[in-house]
């Protein structure tokens, strides 16, 4: 699987994504600066976490107008895999590649901790090879509360576009497990073609035993197997 990581001014998880992709795929991902107008021929593009453009205006708003985003959109429209993690998820919604918006966390604080996610839909390239009902990976955000109107939320549910929800260690989806107040405990969604995924938690920070867990590796391995 050939991959590329888009690097914006303020990205701080681009190297984490690079290391994870190198470890899982055995190939060096291309690191693409935001001013580029073209992408190398790749199967997967990753929009990493961080604080693109210092999170001015709205998180991801300025990055959504970066020069490289036209090529990123073209990649997705042609069926290529596109993964947005944390700030990358924010960029996806600001670019209208995914519906909804990201609001400030319900307690108005930055959250950095491990969370449990229930795998709601395995019929995507990002989740098809995840073995357990839940995965445990880190979250690190201040504006991670997913919001959309009821009609959009209902459509996401009906189309199977909700891929991950915040849950407790038993897999129960409840308010106590909803760390940032996201509507319907949504932690990750995909587009209707299932080739674009946005998620707030960080799978790239859970691919090595030294990270305290390797559940995030299953997401990357799913993509590798889907493209095999």
Foldseek 3Di string as FASTA:
>chain_A
DAEEEEDAVFFDCSVLVQVLCCVQVVDGYHYHYQQDQEDDDGQEYEHGDGQHVNCPPHQLQVSLPGNNNVNVVVCVVVPGAYEYEASGLQNCCNNVVDDFHWAFFPVQDWDWDKFKKAFQDLPALQRVQQDDRIFIFIFTGGGGATDDDPVSVVVQVVLVFQGIFTDHPVNHHDPVRLGRNHPVRGAKGHDSVRRYMYGRTDLSLACDVVSVHRSSSRRVNSNVVVVD
